[in-house]
Amino acid sequence: MDAGVGLSLEGLSVAPAASLAAAVAPVGRSLGLRAAVAVSAAREESLAPGAVRWRRWPSLQLGPQARISGESLTAGVGAHGAVALMRIDGRGFQENHRHARVVFGVGPDLHLGLRRAGVRPWLGAEALFFLTPVTAFEQPAGRTFALPRLQLMLTAGIGFAAGS
């Protein structure tokens, strides 16, 4: 079980983020399955005369992961599919609208950690590309903003090995 905090980047918007993950693999095998839940704070983009606020929360992820262990370090390299609830809110417009929809994404992940019994510190990086484009618009002027489809997340955390 791993828990971490860090930063999420979408377009030029940086927000705090957190993740919780678990990985399982057959004894003696380096290939296993990783499941994770990732969250990040809402983001806001100006769209005159108001603003668009959005979040993809939570991101539920599942995919294969290969683990490589050395004497003092471990590395996990994987790929995952993800599903998230995307919420979009208009703010400061004559009429503010709110929309929610389920979005899907795919991406790679990499985790490096210290190999030791008990609590293990680690660093992680992952990318998530959302498959469907989402565009916010303002009426009647017709101004638009395409929400970023790529999310990068950098985290640091601790892990607990089974049986520790």
Foldseek 3Di string as FASTA:
>chain_A
DWKKKFWKDFPNDIWIKIKDKDWDDPPPFQKTKMWMWMFTDWDWDDDPPWIKIKTFPIKIKMWMWGWDDDPWKIKIKIKIKIKTKMWMWIGPAPDIDIDIDIWIWMWMKMKMWTDDAFKIKIKMKMKIFIDDWDKDFDPDVTTIDITGRMMITIIITIDHDPPD
